[in-house]
Amino acid sequence: MAKIYVLHENQEWTDHLVKRFEELGLPYELWFLDEGTVDLTSEPPEGIFFSRMSASSHTREHTYAPELTSAVLAWLERHGRRVINGSSALRLEVSKVNQYMELEKYGIRTPKTIAAVGKKQMIKAAEKLGASAFITKHNRAGKGLGVQLFHSVDALKEYVESDVFEEPRDGVTLVQEYIESPEHYITRCEFIGGKFVYAVRVDTSGGFELCPADACQIGGLFCPAGEETEQKPKFQIIDDFNEPIIQKYEELLRGNGIKVAGIEFIRNADGEIFTYDINTNTNYNSDAEAAAGKYGMLELAKFLRAELENVYVQN
């Protein structure tokens, strides 16, 4: 019997989807791709395949999971299997450079960014950037990896020569202008089936911990020191969100064959939007969804059910 196969490396992030599969009575199988083999002379099983591979897999000691997943996806696509978030999605998931190039291609503004390999090149990049405040982040990231805020090149020099310097997984560090939100929040737009589902306002006043399902706290580097903030939910679904940029996001996803994603942007003091992240392994915050009565994993499970039926019922 044809199934829904889920390719992943984090059981915690997959349990919520499994729960929805079981509620809907859907046939499924999980492929945990932390290590393994791919028999290129064999044919894949019948079914549809949904990849939830994460760029942060190496932080869970699954260092080469994306590489293994890349091989599996090539094998599946070669044999014509229906793959949701396939090779093109993985290409963006593991490289912010690739994300920014695609965003710019579709007319979506990103923060000024310089990619650097090597500590000396990071310093040169910061000098060339010439911003009064800038951040560093890892090219292959997730969970806020490598994100640090600096107000001077000297501060960056001190950091890269210290014991707390974080080496990026692929050797590439991004040096990027710091976009400050006057109200200290970012917006994350969720898409399923390539279509907009809802937007979430994420409070960053207590730090830049943006992942709805995982601890991504990096301390006070992004928040104004000593500023008192009111107690409010970190994640809030926005009612009646309708921004023109959604159309550009959907066009980008369509052009890259991506069906499931979360895209994050920030507004500066002038209200200008800067998009800085595409998550093709997206998670949803249960508290925010319960308050709004919207459930991403349920909609995702329904979408995958429809995909399975389209391939194996109608054909």
Protein backbone atom coordinates (compact mmCIF):
# COMPACT_ATOMS: atom_id res chain seq x y z
CA MET A 1 0.00 0.00 0.00
CA ALA A 2 1.25 3.46 -0.88
CA LYS A 3 2.20 5.56 2.13
CA ILE A 4 3.28 9.03 3.16
CA TYR A 5 7.00 8.81 3.90
CA VAL A 6 8.48 11.50 6.14
CA LEU A 7 12.23 12.09 5.84
CA HIS A 8 13.63 13.68 9.01
CA GLU A 9 16.29 13.63 11.74
CA ASN A 10 14.39 15.01 14.74
CA GLN A 11 11.69 12.87 16.32
CA GLU A 12 10.49 15.67 18.60
CA TRP A 13 9.67 17.85 15.61
CA THR A 14 7.88 14.96 13.87
CA ASP A 15 5.65 13.69 16.69
CA HIS A 16 3.06 16.43 16.15
CA LEU A 17 2.67 15.50 12.49
CA VAL A 18 2.42 11.81 13.35
CA LYS A 19 -0.40 12.62 15.77
CA ARG A 20 -2.34 14.29 12.94
CA PHE A 21 -1.67 11.36 10.59
CA GLU A 22 -3.18 9.01 13.14
CA GLU A 23 -6.18 11.26 13.75
CA LEU A 24 -6.90 11.21 10.01
CA GLY A 25 -6.16 7.50 9.65
CA LEU A 26 -3.38 8.02 7.11
CA PRO A 27 -0.77 5.39 6.19
CA TYR A 28 2.72 6.68 6.95
CA GLU A 29 6.29 5.66 7.59
CA LEU A 30 9.14 7.66 9.12
CA TRP A 31 12.62 7.59 7.63
CA PHE A 32 15.10 8.78 10.25
CA LEU A 33 18.05 9.88 8.13
CA ASP A 34 20.86 10.44 10.60
CA GLU A 35 22.91 7.73 8.86
CA GLY A 36 22.29 4.88 6.45
CA THR A 37 22.70 3.64 2.88
CA VAL A 38 21.02 4.31 -0.45
CA ASP A 39 20.93 1.40 -2.89
CA LEU A 40 21.04 3.26 -6.18
CA THR A 41 20.31 0.06 -8.12
CA SER A 42 16.94 -0.42 -6.41
CA GLU A 43 13.61 1.32 -6.87
CA PRO A 44 11.93 3.32 -4.09
CA PRO A 45 8.68 2.07 -2.56
CA GLU A 46 5.37 3.41 -3.76
CA GLY A 47 4.19 6.52 -1.98
CA ILE A 48 4.77 10.23 -1.61
CA PHE A 49 7.80 11.58 0.22
CA PHE A 50 7.95 14.65 2.43
CA SER A 51 11.33 15.97 3.52
CA ARG A 52 11.71 17.73 6.88
CA MET A 53 15.48 17.80 6.89
CA SER A 54 16.96 20.60 8.98
CA ALA A 55 20.05 22.76 8.52
CA SER A 56 20.71 22.48 12.27
CA SER A 57 20.96 18.67 12.26
CA HIS A 58 24.66 18.79 13.18
CA THR A 59 23.74 20.31 16.56
CA ARG A 60 21.99 17.02 17.37
CA GLU A 61 25.03 14.94 16.32
CA HIS A 62 23.42 14.17 12.94
CA THR A 63 26.24 15.89 11.10
CA TYR A 64 25.75 14.41 7.64
CA ALA A 65 21.98 14.01 7.66
CA PRO A 66 21.49 16.70 4.96
CA GLU A 67 24.05 14.99 2.72
CA LEU A 68 22.33 11.62 3.18
CA THR A 69 18.98 13.25 2.52
CA SER A 70 20.35 14.85 -0.64
CA ALA A 71 21.29 11.38 -1.91
CA VAL A 72 17.88 9.96 -1.01
CA LEU A 73 16.07 12.83 -2.72
CA ALA A 74 18.15 12.41 -5.90
CA TRP A 75 17.24 8.71 -5.90
CA LEU A 76 13.53 9.41 -5.35
CA GLU A 77 13.37 12.13 -7.99
CA ARG A 78 15.26 10.00 -10.51
CA HIS A 79 12.52 7.37 -10.18
CA GLY A 80 9.71 9.88 -10.55
CA ARG A 81 8.33 9.66 -7.05
CA ARG A 82 6.22 12.54 -5.75
CA VAL A 83 8.53 14.48 -3.43
CA ILE A 84 7.35 17.41 -1.32
CA ASN A 85 10.18 19.82 -0.47
CA GLY A 86 12.74 17.97 -2.54
CA SER A 87 16.25 18.81 -3.69
CA SER A 88 15.50 22.45 -4.49
CA ALA A 89 14.08 23.00 -1.00
CA LEU A 90 17.07 21.32 0.66
CA ARG A 91 19.40 23.55 -1.35
CA LEU A 92 17.84 26.60 0.29
CA GLU A 93 17.49 24.99 3.72
CA VAL A 94 21.23 24.48 4.14
CA SER A 95 22.44 27.80 2.71
CA LYS A 96 21.35 31.31 3.59
CA VAL A 97 23.44 32.57 0.67
CA ASN A 98 21.21 30.56 -1.66
CA GLN A 99 18.15 31.89 0.17
CA TYR A 100 19.19 35.51 -0.25
CA MET A 101 19.98 35.05 -3.93
CA GLU A 102 16.52 33.60 -4.53
CA LEU A 103 14.85 36.33 -2.47
CA GLU A 104 16.63 39.03 -4.47
CA LYS A 105 15.76 37.21 -7.71
CA TYR A 106 12.07 37.59 -6.89
CA GLY A 107 12.37 41.26 -5.93
CA ILE A 108 12.30 40.64 -2.18
CA ARG A 109 14.53 42.95 -0.16
CA THR A 110 17.12 41.43 2.18
CA PRO A 111 19.55 43.04 4.62
CA LYS A 112 22.93 44.01 3.17
CA THR A 113 25.08 40.91 3.64
CA ILE A 114 28.65 39.78 2.95
CA ALA A 115 29.63 36.10 3.07
CA ALA A 116 33.06 35.39 4.50
CA VAL A 117 35.28 32.35 5.01
CA GLY A 118 38.03 32.81 7.59
CA LYS A 119 38.33 35.06 10.62
CA LYS A 120 40.41 37.71 8.85
CA GLN A 121 37.85 37.82 6.04
CA MET A 122 35.06 38.33 8.57
CA ILE A 123 36.87 41.43 9.83
CA LYS A 124 37.34 42.71 6.28
CA ALA A 125 33.67 42.07 5.54
CA ALA A 126 32.61 44.08 8.60
CA GLU A 127 34.88 46.95 7.59
CA LYS A 128 33.47 46.92 4.06
CA LEU A 129 29.89 46.73 5.34
CA GLY A 130 30.41 49.99 7.21
CA ALA A 131 27.30 49.59 9.36
CA SER A 132 27.04 51.12 12.83
CA ALA A 133 25.55 47.85 14.05
CA PHE A 134 25.85 44.46 12.39
CA ILE A 135 25.31 40.79 13.12
CA THR A 136 27.08 37.59 12.25
CA LYS A 137 25.24 34.38 11.49
CA HIS A 138 26.10 30.97 10.09
CA ASN A 139 25.31 30.23 6.46
CA ARG A 140 24.14 26.72 7.34
CA ALA A 141 22.22 27.52 10.45
CA GLY A 142 18.88 27.18 12.19
CA LYS A 143 18.27 27.76 15.90
CA GLY A 144 20.02 31.13 15.78
CA LEU A 145 23.41 29.49 15.17
CA GLY A 146 26.27 31.97 15.18
CA VAL A 147 24.02 34.98 15.62
CA GLN A 148 25.87 37.76 17.43
CA LEU A 149 25.28 41.51 17.51
CA PHE A 150 28.19 43.96 17.27
CA HIS A 151 28.48 47.73 17.42
CA SER A 152 32.08 47.96 16.26
CA VAL A 153 34.68 46.10 14.24
CA ASP A 154 36.89 45.97 17.33
CA ALA A 155 34.17 44.04 19.16
CA LEU A 156 34.06 41.55 16.29
CA LYS A 157 37.85 41.16 16.40
CA GLU A 158 37.67 40.37 20.11
CA TYR A 159 34.91 37.81 19.49
CA VAL A 160 36.60 35.90 16.64
CA GLU A 161 39.79 35.51 18.70
CA SER A 162 37.94 34.37 21.83
CA ASP A 163 37.11 30.89 23.09
CA VAL A 164 33.38 31.48 22.53
CA PHE A 165 33.72 31.93 18.75
CA GLU A 166 31.46 29.48 16.92
CA GLU A 167 32.86 27.91 13.77
CA PRO A 168 30.16 27.59 11.08
CA ARG A 169 29.37 24.07 9.90
CA ASP A 170 30.23 24.84 6.26
CA GLY A 171 32.91 27.44 6.99
CA VAL A 172 30.78 30.35 5.76
CA THR A 173 29.82 33.20 8.10
CA LEU A 174 27.48 35.99 7.04
CA VAL A 175 28.24 39.53 8.15
CA GLN A 176 24.97 41.43 7.89
CA GLU A 177 23.62 44.88 8.64
CA TYR A 178 21.46 44.90 11.77
CA ILE A 179 17.84 45.80 11.10
CA GLU A 180 16.28 47.05 14.32
CA SER A 181 12.57 46.73 14.87
CA PRO A 182 11.31 49.66 16.97
CA GLU A 183 8.63 47.43 18.50
CA HIS A 184 11.01 44.45 18.90
CA TYR A 185 9.25 41.78 16.89
CA ILE A 186 9.62 39.86 13.66
CA THR A 187 6.93 38.26 11.49
CA ARG A 188 6.93 34.67 10.32
CA CYS A 189 4.65 33.71 7.42
CA GLU A 190 3.61 30.07 7.13
CA PHE A 191 2.84 28.34 3.83
CA ILE A 192 1.36 24.91 3.15
CA GLY A 193 0.79 23.61 -0.35
CA GLY A 194 2.66 26.70 -1.50
CA LYS A 195 -0.18 28.90 -0.20
CA PHE A 196 -0.23 31.33 2.71
CA VAL A 197 -1.83 29.92 5.88
CA TYR A 198 -1.16 32.50 8.59
CA ALA A 199 1.41 34.94 9.95
CA VAL A 200 2.90 34.88 13.44
CA ARG A 201 4.19 37.88 15.34
CA VAL A 202 7.25 36.81 17.33
CA ASP A 203 8.31 38.96 20.27
CA THR A 204 12.10 39.50 20.30
CA SER A 205 12.27 41.80 23.32
CA GLY A 206 13.58 38.98 25.48
CA GLY A 207 16.06 37.68 22.92
CA PHE A 208 16.05 36.35 19.39
CA GLU A 209 14.64 32.87 20.06
CA LEU A 210 12.52 32.42 16.95
CA CYS A 211 11.99 28.69 16.48
CA PRO A 212 8.45 27.83 17.63
CA ALA A 213 9.36 24.26 18.56
CA ASP A 214 12.98 24.34 19.70
CA ALA A 215 15.13 26.28 22.18
CA CYS A 216 16.99 28.83 20.08
CA GLN A 217 17.78 31.34 22.81
CA ILE A 218 20.97 33.34 22.32
CA GLY A 219 20.69 35.59 25.35
CA GLY A 220 20.38 39.36 25.38
CA LEU A 221 22.43 40.12 22.29
CA PHE A 222 19.39 41.22 20.31
CA CYS A 223 17.41 42.91 23.07
CA PRO A 224 17.90 46.43 24.48
CA ALA A 225 19.87 46.01 27.70
CA GLY A 226 17.93 46.82 30.83
CA GLU A 227 14.68 47.63 29.06
CA GLU A 228 11.54 46.51 30.88
CA THR A 229 8.97 44.69 28.77
CA GLU A 230 5.41 43.70 29.49
CA GLN A 231 4.51 40.07 29.84
CA LYS A 232 2.95 38.85 26.62
CA PRO A 233 2.95 35.69 24.50
CA LYS A 234 6.13 35.24 22.50
CA PHE A 235 4.18 33.88 19.52
CA GLN A 236 0.86 35.41 18.39
CA ILE A 237 -1.00 34.60 15.18
CA ILE A 238 -2.00 37.84 13.44
CA ASP A 239 -5.66 38.23 12.51
CA ASP A 240 -6.45 39.17 8.90
CA PHE A 241 -2.81 39.50 7.87
CA ASN A 242 -2.70 40.75 4.29
CA GLU A 243 0.57 42.14 2.96
CA PRO A 244 1.52 42.42 -0.73
CA ILE A 245 4.80 40.63 -0.02
CA ILE A 246 2.86 37.38 0.44
CA GLN A 247 2.36 37.22 -3.32
CA LYS A 248 6.13 37.48 -3.87
CA TYR A 249 6.77 34.78 -1.29
CA GLU A 250 4.31 32.44 -3.00
CA GLU A 251 5.95 33.16 -6.36
CA LEU A 252 9.38 32.31 -4.92
CA LEU A 253 8.11 29.06 -3.41
CA ARG A 254 6.41 28.10 -6.65
CA GLY A 255 9.56 28.85 -8.63
CA ASN A 256 11.62 26.61 -6.35
CA GLY A 257 9.10 23.78 -6.06
CA ILE A 258 8.66 24.34 -2.32
CA LYS A 259 5.29 23.44 -0.82
CA VAL A 260 5.89 23.87 2.92
CA ALA A 261 7.85 26.76 4.43
CA GLY A 262 8.04 29.52 6.99
CA ILE A 263 9.49 32.85 5.82
CA GLU A 264 10.60 35.51 8.29
CA PHE A 265 10.85 39.28 7.89
CA ILE A 266 11.47 42.34 10.03
CA ARG A 267 10.35 45.97 9.69
CA ASN A 268 12.68 48.87 10.41
CA ALA A 269 11.69 52.22 11.92
CA ASP A 270 10.47 53.41 8.49
CA GLY A 271 8.20 50.41 8.10
CA GLU A 272 10.36 48.87 5.36
CA ILE A 273 10.32 45.07 5.18
CA PHE A 274 13.56 43.06 5.11
CA THR A 275 13.27 39.30 4.61
CA TYR A 276 16.09 37.30 6.16
CA ASP A 277 15.16 33.62 6.46
CA ILE A 278 13.38 30.79 4.64
CA ASN A 279 12.64 27.69 6.73
CA THR A 280 11.69 24.66 4.65
CA ASN A 281 11.56 22.55 7.82
CA THR A 282 8.89 24.58 9.56
CA ASN A 283 7.35 24.08 13.00
CA TYR A 284 4.30 25.61 14.65
CA ASN A 285 3.70 26.99 18.13
CA SER A 286 0.92 25.10 19.90
CA ASP A 287 -0.06 27.92 22.28
CA ALA A 288 -0.40 30.48 19.50
CA GLU A 289 -2.40 28.05 17.37
CA ALA A 290 -4.74 27.12 20.22
CA ALA A 291 -5.46 30.81 20.87
CA ALA A 292 -6.23 31.43 17.19
CA GLY A 293 -7.94 28.12 16.41
CA LYS A 294 -5.56 27.44 13.51
CA TYR A 295 -3.45 24.29 13.33
CA GLY A 296 -0.52 24.04 10.95
CA MET A 297 0.25 20.35 11.39
CA LEU A 298 -3.39 19.45 10.80
CA GLU A 299 -3.43 21.45 7.58
CA LEU A 300 -0.13 19.86 6.59
CA ALA A 301 -1.49 16.36 7.19
CA LYS A 302 -4.57 17.19 5.10
CA PHE A 303 -2.36 18.53 2.32
CA LEU A 304 -0.26 15.36 2.31
CA ARG A 305 -3.44 13.25 2.27
CA ALA A 306 -4.59 15.12 -0.83
CA GLU A 307 -1.20 14.61 -2.48
CA LEU A 308 -1.34 10.87 -1.78
CA GLU A 309 -4.85 10.66 -3.18
CA ASN A 310 -3.89 12.65 -6.29
CA VAL A 311 -1.08 10.25 -7.11
CA TYR A 312 -2.60 6.89 -6.13
CA VAL A 313 -6.38 7.30 -6.28
CA GLN A 314 -7.09 9.50 -9.26
CA ASN A 315 -4.38 7.99 -11.48
